[in-house]
Amino acid sequence: MNKAKLNYFIDLLMLIVGSIVAITGILKLPVLRSVYRTLPIRTLTQLHDISGVIIVVLVIIHLIFHWNWIICMTKSFFKTSKTCKKK
């Protein structure tokens, strides 16, 4: 798998898992719990927690994958030369 496809796959997973974290987090709000009593809080909590761990791992992978770009952009803010070397 080339780098662009791997990046796309990681970003897509981050979108899916991040959406799960957001939706389960909203459904766990006490205000909504009184409305949605049929949803099992234990299942929501487990799904939310597992998805949270997965999103953290994916973000770390994403940061590692883009580390050179992050360094380059950070340096460009502090130098007059804004050119970065492509690898």
PDB file of N, CA and C in Angstrom:
ATOM      1  N   MET A   1       0.861  -1.180   0.000  1.00  0.00           N
ATOM      2  CA  MET A   1       0.000   0.000   0.000  1.00  0.00           C
ATOM      3  C   MET A   1       0.903   1.238   0.000  1.00  0.00           C
ATOM      4  N   ASN A   2       0.644   2.167  -0.921  1.00  0.00           N
ATOM      5  CA  ASN A   2       1.491   3.354  -0.960  1.00  0.00           C
ATOM      6  C   ASN A   2       1.108   4.335   0.147  1.00  0.00           C
ATOM      7  N   LYS A   3       1.951   5.356   0.313  1.00  0.00           N
ATOM      8  CA  LYS A   3       1.797   6.288   1.426  1.00  0.00           C
ATOM      9  C   LYS A   3       0.469   7.062   1.361  1.00  0.00           C
ATOM     10  N   ALA A   4       0.062   7.474   0.178  1.00  0.00           N
ATOM     11  CA  ALA A   4      -1.189   8.238   0.033  1.00  0.00           C
ATOM     12  C   ALA A   4      -2.402   7.397   0.409  1.00  0.00           C
ATOM     13  N   LYS A   5      -2.419   6.133  -0.009  1.00  0.00           N
ATOM     14  CA  LYS A   5      -3.544   5.256   0.329  1.00  0.00           C
ATOM     15  C   LYS A   5      -3.570   4.948   1.823  1.00  0.00           C
ATOM     16  N   LEU A   6      -2.394   4.745   2.401  1.00  0.00           N
ATOM     17  CA  LEU A   6      -2.318   4.499   3.843  1.00  0.00           C
ATOM     18  C   LEU A   6      -2.812   5.717   4.616  1.00  0.00           C
ATOM     19  N   ASN A   7      -2.418   6.907   4.187  1.00  0.00           N
ATOM     20  CA  ASN A   7      -2.866   8.143   4.823  1.00  0.00           C
ATOM     21  C   ASN A   7      -4.386   8.270   4.720  1.00  0.00           C
ATOM     22  N   TYR A   8      -4.934   7.978   3.554  1.00  0.00           N
ATOM     23  CA  TYR A   8      -6.384   8.039   3.359  1.00  0.00           C
ATOM     24  C   TYR A   8      -7.102   7.058   4.291  1.00  0.00           C
ATOM     25  N   PHE A   9      -6.584   5.831   4.380  1.00  0.00           N
ATOM     26  CA  PHE A   9      -7.181   4.802   5.227  1.00  0.00           C
ATOM     27  C   PHE A   9      -7.162   5.215   6.701  1.00  0.00           C
ATOM     28  N   ILE A  10      -6.035   5.753   7.163  1.00  0.00           N
ATOM     29  CA  ILE A  10      -5.931   6.212   8.556  1.00  0.00           C
ATOM     30  C   ILE A  10      -6.911   7.352   8.810  1.00  0.00           C
ATOM     31  N   ASP A  11      -6.982   8.310   7.893  1.00  0.00           N
ATOM     32  CA  ASP A  11      -7.904   9.433   8.057  1.00  0.00           C
ATOM     33  C   ASP A  11      -9.365   8.984   8.048  1.00  0.00           C
ATOM     34  N   LEU A  12      -9.684   8.033   7.186  1.00  0.00           N
ATOM     35  CA  LEU A  12     -11.047   7.504   7.141  1.00  0.00           C
ATOM     36  C   LEU A  12     -11.406   6.801   8.452  1.00  0.00           C
ATOM     37  N   LEU A  13     -10.487   6.005   8.975  1.00  0.00           N
ATOM     38  CA  LEU A  13     -10.717   5.347  10.266  1.00  0.00           C
ATOM     39  C   LEU A  13     -10.885   6.371  11.380  1.00  0.00           C
ATOM     40  N   MET A  14     -10.081   7.434  11.336  1.00  0.00           N
ATOM     41  CA  MET A  14     -10.214   8.486  12.348  1.00  0.00           C
ATOM     42  C   MET A  14     -11.591   9.141  12.279  1.00  0.00           C
ATOM     43  N   LEU A  15     -12.096   9.353  11.078  1.00  0.00           N
ATOM     44  CA  LEU A  15     -13.425   9.937  10.913  1.00  0.00           C
ATOM     45  C   LEU A  15     -14.507   9.022  11.472  1.00  0.00           C
ATOM     46  N   ILE A  16     -14.431   7.740  11.157  1.00  0.00           N
ATOM     47  CA  ILE A  16     -15.440   6.779  11.612  1.00  0.00           C
ATOM     48  C   ILE A  16     -15.406   6.623  13.128  1.00  0.00           C
ATOM     49  N   VAL A  17     -14.217   6.373  13.658  1.00  0.00           N
ATOM     50  CA  VAL A  17     -14.096   6.152  15.105  1.00  0.00           C
ATOM     51  C   VAL A  17     -14.377   7.437  15.869  1.00  0.00           C
ATOM     52  N   GLY A  18     -13.939   8.573  15.346  1.00  0.00           N
ATOM     53  CA  GLY A  18     -14.242   9.854  15.990  1.00  0.00           C
ATOM     54  C   GLY A  18     -15.732  10.132  16.030  1.00  0.00           C
ATOM     55  N   SER A  19     -16.433   9.748  14.978  1.00  0.00           N
ATOM     56  CA  SER A  19     -17.885   9.908  14.958  1.00  0.00           C
ATOM     57  C   SER A  19     -18.555   9.038  16.014  1.00  0.00           C
ATOM     58  N   ILE A  20     -18.051   7.823  16.173  1.00  0.00           N
ATOM     59  CA  ILE A  20     -18.590   6.934  17.212  1.00  0.00           C
ATOM     60  C   ILE A  20     -18.369   7.528  18.595  1.00  0.00           C
ATOM     61  N   VAL A  21     -17.168   8.062  18.829  1.00  0.00           N
ATOM     62  CA  VAL A  21     -16.872   8.695  20.127  1.00  0.00           C
ATOM     63  C   VAL A  21     -17.820   9.867  20.363  1.00  0.00           C
ATOM     64  N   ALA A  22     -18.019  10.695  19.348  1.00  0.00           N
ATOM     65  CA  ALA A  22     -18.889  11.864  19.498  1.00  0.00           C
ATOM     66  C   ALA A  22     -20.338  11.468  19.751  1.00  0.00           C
ATOM     67  N   ILE A  23     -20.845  10.525  18.972  1.00  0.00           N
ATOM     68  CA  ILE A  23     -22.250  10.111  19.103  1.00  0.00           C
ATOM     69  C   ILE A  23     -22.500   9.454  20.456  1.00  0.00           C
ATOM     70  N   THR A  24     -21.621   8.534  20.852  1.00  0.00           N
ATOM     71  CA  THR A  24     -21.828   7.873  22.152  1.00  0.00           C
ATOM     72  C   THR A  24     -21.649   8.856  23.306  1.00  0.00           C
ATOM     73  N   GLY A  25     -20.738   9.816  23.133  1.00  0.00           N
ATOM     74  CA  GLY A  25     -20.562  10.836  24.172  1.00  0.00           C
ATOM     75  C   GLY A  25     -21.798  11.691  24.335  1.00  0.00           C
ATOM     76  N   ILE A  26     -22.418  12.055  23.217  1.00  0.00           N
ATOM     77  CA  ILE A  26     -23.657  12.846  23.277  1.00  0.00           C
ATOM     78  C   ILE A  26     -24.787  12.028  23.885  1.00  0.00           C
ATOM     79  N   LEU A  27     -24.895  10.760  23.485  1.00  0.00           N
ATOM     80  CA  LEU A  27     -25.971   9.911  24.013  1.00  0.00           C
ATOM     81  C   LEU A  27     -25.806   9.622  25.508  1.00  0.00           C
ATOM     82  N   LYS A  28     -24.581   9.752  26.018  1.00  0.00           N
ATOM     83  CA  LYS A  28     -24.352   9.517  27.443  1.00  0.00           C
ATOM     84  C   LYS A  28     -24.664  10.736  28.311  1.00  0.00           C
ATOM     85  N   LEU A  29     -24.941  11.870  27.696  1.00  0.00           N
ATOM     86  CA  LEU A  29     -25.247  13.072  28.470  1.00  0.00           C
ATOM     87  C   LEU A  29     -26.464  12.825  29.361  1.00  0.00           C
ATOM     88  N   PRO A  30     -26.395  13.273  30.608  1.00  0.00           N
ATOM     89  CA  PRO A  30     -27.519  13.044  31.532  1.00  0.00           C
ATOM     90  C   PRO A  30     -28.855  13.577  31.013  1.00  0.00           C
ATOM     91  N   VAL A  31     -28.846  14.680  30.298  1.00  0.00           N
ATOM     92  CA  VAL A  31     -30.079  15.255  29.762  1.00  0.00           C
ATOM     93  C   VAL A  31     -30.726  14.283  28.772  1.00  0.00           C
ATOM     94  N   LEU A  32     -29.911  13.671  27.924  1.00  0.00           N
ATOM     95  CA  LEU A  32     -30.439  12.736  26.940  1.00  0.00           C
ATOM     96  C   LEU A  32     -30.726  11.359  27.521  1.00  0.00           C
ATOM     97  N   ARG A  33     -30.075  11.004  28.593  1.00  0.00           N
ATOM     98  CA  ARG A  33     -30.318   9.689  29.213  1.00  0.00           C
ATOM     99  C   ARG A  33     -31.762   9.575  29.666  1.00  0.00           C
ATOM    100  N   SER A  34     -32.363  10.683  30.094  1.00  0.00           N
ATOM    101  CA  SER A  34     -33.765  10.630  30.524  1.00  0.00           C
ATOM    102  C   SER A  34     -34.695  10.419  29.330  1.00  0.00           C
ATOM    103  N   VAL A  35     -34.280  10.816  28.147  1.00  0.00           N
ATOM    104  CA  VAL A  35     -35.091  10.646  26.943  1.00  0.00           C
ATOM    105  C   VAL A  35     -34.904   9.241  26.369  1.00  0.00           C
ATOM    106  N   TYR A  36     -33.669   8.788  26.313  1.00  0.00           N
ATOM    107  CA  TYR A  36     -33.345   7.489  25.706  1.00  0.00           C
ATOM    108  C   TYR A  36     -33.058   6.435  26.774  1.00  0.00           C
ATOM    109  N   ARG A  37     -34.029   6.105  27.551  1.00  0.00           N
ATOM    110  CA  ARG A  37     -33.853   5.118  28.618  1.00  0.00           C
ATOM    111  C   ARG A  37     -33.664   3.698  28.078  1.00  0.00           C
ATOM    112  N   THR A  38     -34.039   3.462  26.824  1.00  0.00           N
ATOM    113  CA  THR A  38     -33.941   2.113  26.258  1.00  0.00           C
ATOM    114  C   THR A  38     -32.508   1.746  25.876  1.00  0.00           C
ATOM    115  N   LEU A  39     -31.643   2.750  25.697  1.00  0.00           N
ATOM    116  CA  LEU A  39     -30.246   2.463  25.348  1.00  0.00           C
ATOM    117  C   LEU A  39     -29.478   2.054  26.604  1.00  0.00           C
ATOM    118  N   PRO A  40     -28.850   0.896  26.570  1.00  0.00           N
ATOM    119  CA  PRO A  40     -28.102   0.444  27.754  1.00  0.00           C
ATOM    120  C   PRO A  40     -26.842   1.281  27.971  1.00  0.00           C
ATOM    121  N   ILE A  41     -26.761   1.930  29.122  1.00  0.00           N
ATOM    122  CA  ILE A  41     -25.643   2.821  29.422  1.00  0.00           C
ATOM    123  C   ILE A  41     -24.319   2.060  29.460  1.00  0.00           C
ATOM    124  N   ARG A  42     -24.347   0.822  29.921  1.00  0.00           N
ATOM    125  CA  ARG A  42     -23.109   0.028  29.985  1.00  0.00           C
ATOM    126  C   ARG A  42     -22.537  -0.205  28.580  1.00  0.00           C
ATOM    127  N   THR A  43     -23.405  -0.528  27.635  1.00  0.00           N
ATOM    128  CA  THR A  43     -22.967  -0.746  26.257  1.00  0.00           C
ATOM    129  C   THR A  43     -22.440   0.553  25.642  1.00  0.00           C
ATOM    130  N   LEU A  44     -23.164   1.650  25.873  1.00  0.00           N
ATOM    131  CA  LEU A  44     -22.710   2.944  25.377  1.00  0.00           C
ATOM    132  C   LEU A  44     -21.345   3.311  25.953  1.00  0.00           C
ATOM    133  N   THR A  45     -21.178   3.093  27.242  1.00  0.00           N
ATOM    134  CA  THR A  45     -19.913   3.415  27.905  1.00  0.00           C
ATOM    135  C   THR A  45     -18.773   2.571  27.361  1.00  0.00           C
ATOM    136  N   GLN A  46     -19.001   1.277  27.187  1.00  0.00           N
ATOM    137  CA  GLN A  46     -17.953   0.410  26.644  1.00  0.00           C
ATOM    138  C   GLN A  46     -17.584   0.813  25.221  1.00  0.00           C
ATOM    139  N   LEU A  47     -18.578   1.074  24.394  1.00  0.00           N
ATOM    140  CA  LEU A  47     -18.320   1.494  23.017  1.00  0.00           C
ATOM    141  C   LEU A  47     -17.579   2.830  22.985  1.00  0.00           C
ATOM    142  N   HIS A  48     -17.981   3.743  23.845  1.00  0.00           N
ATOM    143  CA  HIS A  48     -17.347   5.055  23.938  1.00  0.00           C
ATOM    144  C   HIS A  48     -15.888   4.918  24.382  1.00  0.00           C
ATOM    145  N   ASP A  49     -15.642   4.111  25.400  1.00  0.00           N
ATOM    146  CA  ASP A  49     -14.285   3.947  25.928  1.00  0.00           C
ATOM    147  C   ASP A  49     -13.358   3.263  24.930  1.00  0.00           C
ATOM    148  N   ILE A  50     -13.830   2.193  24.312  1.00  0.00           N
ATOM    149  CA  ILE A  50     -13.008   1.473  23.331  1.00  0.00           C
ATOM    150  C   ILE A  50     -12.721   2.365  22.124  1.00  0.00           C
ATOM    151  N   SER A  51     -13.724   3.072  21.657  1.00  0.00           N
ATOM    152  CA  SER A  51     -13.532   3.981  20.527  1.00  0.00           C
ATOM    153  C   SER A  51     -12.570   5.110  20.887  1.00  0.00           C
ATOM    154  N   GLY A  52     -12.641   5.567  22.123  1.00  0.00           N
ATOM    155  CA  GLY A  52     -11.729   6.613  22.580  1.00  0.00           C
ATOM    156  C   GLY A  52     -10.279   6.165  22.536  1.00  0.00           C
ATOM    157  N   VAL A  53     -10.025   4.942  22.967  1.00  0.00           N
ATOM    158  CA  VAL A  53      -8.661   4.399  22.925  1.00  0.00           C
ATOM    159  C   VAL A  53      -8.202   4.243  21.473  1.00  0.00           C
ATOM    160  N   ILE A  54      -9.078   3.750  20.624  1.00  0.00           N
ATOM    161  CA  ILE A  54      -8.730   3.562  19.209  1.00  0.00           C
ATOM    162  C   ILE A  54      -8.415   4.896  18.544  1.00  0.00           C
ATOM    163  N   ILE A  55      -9.198   5.935  18.830  1.00  0.00           N
ATOM    164  CA  ILE A  55      -8.952   7.238  18.209  1.00  0.00           C
ATOM    165  C   ILE A  55      -7.625   7.822  18.680  1.00  0.00           C
ATOM    166  N   VAL A  56      -7.262   7.606  19.939  1.00  0.00           N
ATOM    167  CA  VAL A  56      -5.969   8.083  20.437  1.00  0.00           C
ATOM    168  C   VAL A  56      -4.830   7.398  19.689  1.00  0.00           C
ATOM    169  N   VAL A  57      -4.929   6.087  19.502  1.00  0.00           N
ATOM    170  CA  VAL A  57      -3.903   5.345  18.766  1.00  0.00           C
ATOM    171  C   VAL A  57      -3.814   5.850  17.324  1.00  0.00           C
ATOM    172  N   LEU A  58      -4.967   6.056  16.683  1.00  0.00           N
ATOM    173  CA  LEU A  58      -4.975   6.547  15.303  1.00  0.00           C
ATOM    174  C   LEU A  58      -4.390   7.954  15.199  1.00  0.00           C
ATOM    175  N   VAL A  59      -4.666   8.814  16.164  1.00  0.00           N
ATOM    176  CA  VAL A  59      -4.101  10.169  16.149  1.00  0.00           C
ATOM    177  C   VAL A  59      -2.585  10.108  16.294  1.00  0.00           C
ATOM    178  N   ILE A  60      -2.093   9.233  17.169  1.00  0.00           N
ATOM    179  CA  ILE A  60      -0.641   9.085  17.328  1.00  0.00           C
ATOM    180  C   ILE A  60      -0.014   8.598  16.022  1.00  0.00           C
ATOM    181  N   ILE A  61      -0.630   7.611  15.382  1.00  0.00           N
ATOM    182  CA  ILE A  61      -0.132   7.125  14.082  1.00  0.00           C
ATOM    183  C   ILE A  61      -0.159   8.256  13.054  1.00  0.00           C
ATOM    184  N   HIS A  62      -1.237   9.016  13.044  1.00  0.00           N
ATOM    185  CA  HIS A  62      -1.374  10.133  12.112  1.00  0.00           C
ATOM    186  C   HIS A  62      -0.262  11.167  12.338  1.00  0.00           C
ATOM    187  N   LEU A  63       0.012  11.492  13.599  1.00  0.00           N
ATOM    188  CA  LEU A  63       1.076  12.452  13.908  1.00  0.00           C
ATOM    189  C   LEU A  63       2.451  11.928  13.497  1.00  0.00           C
ATOM    190  N   ILE A  64       2.703  10.649  13.740  1.00  0.00           N
ATOM    191  CA  ILE A  64       3.971  10.048  13.322  1.00  0.00           C
ATOM    192  C   ILE A  64       4.093  10.099  11.804  1.00  0.00           C
ATOM    193  N   PHE A  65       3.018   9.788  11.130  1.00  0.00           N
ATOM    194  CA  PHE A  65       2.988   9.763   9.674  1.00  0.00           C
ATOM    195  C   PHE A  65       3.285  11.141   9.075  1.00  0.00           C
ATOM    196  N   HIS A  66       2.855  12.206   9.766  1.00  0.00           N
ATOM    197  CA  HIS A  66       3.015  13.571   9.273  1.00  0.00           C
ATOM    198  C   HIS A  66       4.083  14.357  10.037  1.00  0.00           C
ATOM    199  N   TRP A  67       4.932  13.679  10.770  1.00  0.00           N
ATOM    200  CA  TRP A  67       5.889  14.361  11.638  1.00  0.00           C
ATOM    201  C   TRP A  67       6.801  15.325  10.875  1.00  0.00           C
ATOM    202  N   ASN A  68       7.324  14.898   9.726  1.00  0.00           N
ATOM    203  CA  ASN A  68       8.210  15.774   8.950  1.00  0.00           C
ATOM    204  C   ASN A  68       7.490  17.039   8.499  1.00  0.00           C
ATOM    205  N   TRP A  69       6.239  16.922   8.102  1.00  0.00           N
ATOM    206  CA  TRP A  69       5.457  18.084   7.705  1.00  0.00           C
ATOM    207  C   TRP A  69       5.244  19.024   8.894  1.00  0.00           C
ATOM    208  N   ILE A  70       4.957  18.466  10.071  1.00  0.00           N
ATOM    209  CA  ILE A  70       4.752  19.271  11.276  1.00  0.00           C
ATOM    210  C   ILE A  70       6.017  20.049  11.612  1.00  0.00           C
ATOM    211  N   ILE A  71       7.164  19.374  11.553  1.00  0.00           N
ATOM    212  CA  ILE A  71       8.446  20.035  11.830  1.00  0.00           C
ATOM    213  C   ILE A  71       8.695  21.138  10.809  1.00  0.00           C
ATOM    214  N   CYS A  72       8.475  20.837   9.547  1.00  0.00           N
ATOM    215  CA  CYS A  72       8.691  21.811   8.478  1.00  0.00           C
ATOM    216  C   CYS A  72       7.812  23.050   8.667  1.00  0.00           C
ATOM    217  N   MET A  73       6.548  22.839   8.961  1.00  0.00           N
ATOM    218  CA  MET A  73       5.638  23.965   9.143  1.00  0.00           C
ATOM    219  C   MET A  73       6.001  24.778  10.385  1.00  0.00           C
ATOM    220  N   THR A  74       6.422  24.104  11.441  1.00  0.00           N
ATOM    221  CA  THR A  74       6.827  24.805  12.658  1.00  0.00           C
ATOM    222  C   THR A  74       8.053  25.671  12.376  1.00  0.00           C
ATOM    223  N   LYS A  75       9.018  25.116  11.653  1.00  0.00           N
ATOM    224  CA  LYS A  75      10.215  25.890  11.302  1.00  0.00           C
ATOM    225  C   LYS A  75       9.865  27.071  10.411  1.00  0.00           C
ATOM    226  N   SER A  76       8.894  26.905   9.527  1.00  0.00           N
ATOM    227  CA  SER A  76       8.537  27.986   8.615  1.00  0.00           C
ATOM    228  C   SER A  76       7.941  29.186   9.349  1.00  0.00           C
ATOM    229  N   PHE A  77       7.387  28.985  10.520  1.00  0.00           N
ATOM    230  CA  PHE A  77       6.847  30.095  11.296  1.00  0.00           C
ATOM    231  C   PHE A  77       7.953  30.924  11.934  1.00  0.00           C
ATOM    232  N   PHE A  78       9.118  30.325  12.132  1.00  0.00           N
ATOM    233  CA  PHE A  78      10.194  31.005  12.834  1.00  0.00           C
ATOM    234  C   PHE A  78      11.351  31.406  11.926  1.00  0.00           C
ATOM    235  N   LYS A  79      11.279  31.079  10.641  1.00  0.00           N
ATOM    236  CA  LYS A  79      12.322  31.448   9.695  1.00  0.00           C
ATOM    237  C   LYS A  79      11.716  32.249   8.555  1.00  0.00           C
ATOM    238  N   THR A  80      12.589  33.009   7.893  1.00  0.00           N
ATOM    239  CA  THR A  80      12.104  33.754   6.727  1.00  0.00           C
ATOM    240  C   THR A  80      11.961  32.851   5.514  1.00  0.00           C
ATOM    241  N   SER A  81      12.800  31.819   5.433  1.00  0.00           N
ATOM    242  CA  SER A  81      12.698  30.863   4.321  1.00  0.00           C
ATOM    243  C   SER A  81      11.589  29.880   4.618  1.00  0.00           C
ATOM    244  N   LYS A  82      10.627  29.789   3.711  1.00  0.00           N
ATOM    245  CA  LYS A  82       9.476  28.926   3.946  1.00  0.00           C
ATOM    246  C   LYS A  82       9.474  27.710   3.028  1.00  0.00           C
ATOM    247  N   THR A  83      10.641  27.288   2.615  1.00  0.00           N
ATOM    248  CA  THR A  83      10.707  26.120   1.759  1.00  0.00           C
ATOM    249  C   THR A  83      11.019  24.892   2.583  1.00  0.00           C
ATOM    250  N   CYS A  84      10.398  23.810   2.236  1.00  0.00           N
ATOM    251  CA  CYS A  84      10.607  22.536   2.918  1.00  0.00           C
ATOM    252  C   CYS A  84      11.091  21.514   1.893  1.00  0.00           C
ATOM    253  N   LYS A  85      11.936  20.635   2.344  1.00  0.00           N
ATOM    254  CA  LYS A  85      12.434  19.590   1.471  1.00  0.00           C
ATOM    255  C   LYS A  85      11.427  18.445   1.407  1.00  0.00           C
ATOM    256  N   LYS A  86      11.126  18.009   0.205  1.00  0.00           N
ATOM    257  CA  LYS A  86      10.242  16.847   0.011  1.00  0.00           C
ATOM    258  C   LYS A  86      11.064  15.578   0.111  1.00  0.00           C
ATOM    259  N   LYS A  87      10.471  14.564   0.735  1.00  0.00           N
ATOM    260  CA  LYS A  87      11.135  13.260   0.817  1.00  0.00           C
ATOM    261  C   LYS A  87      10.465  12.282  -0.076  1.00  0.00           C
TER     262      LYS A  87
END
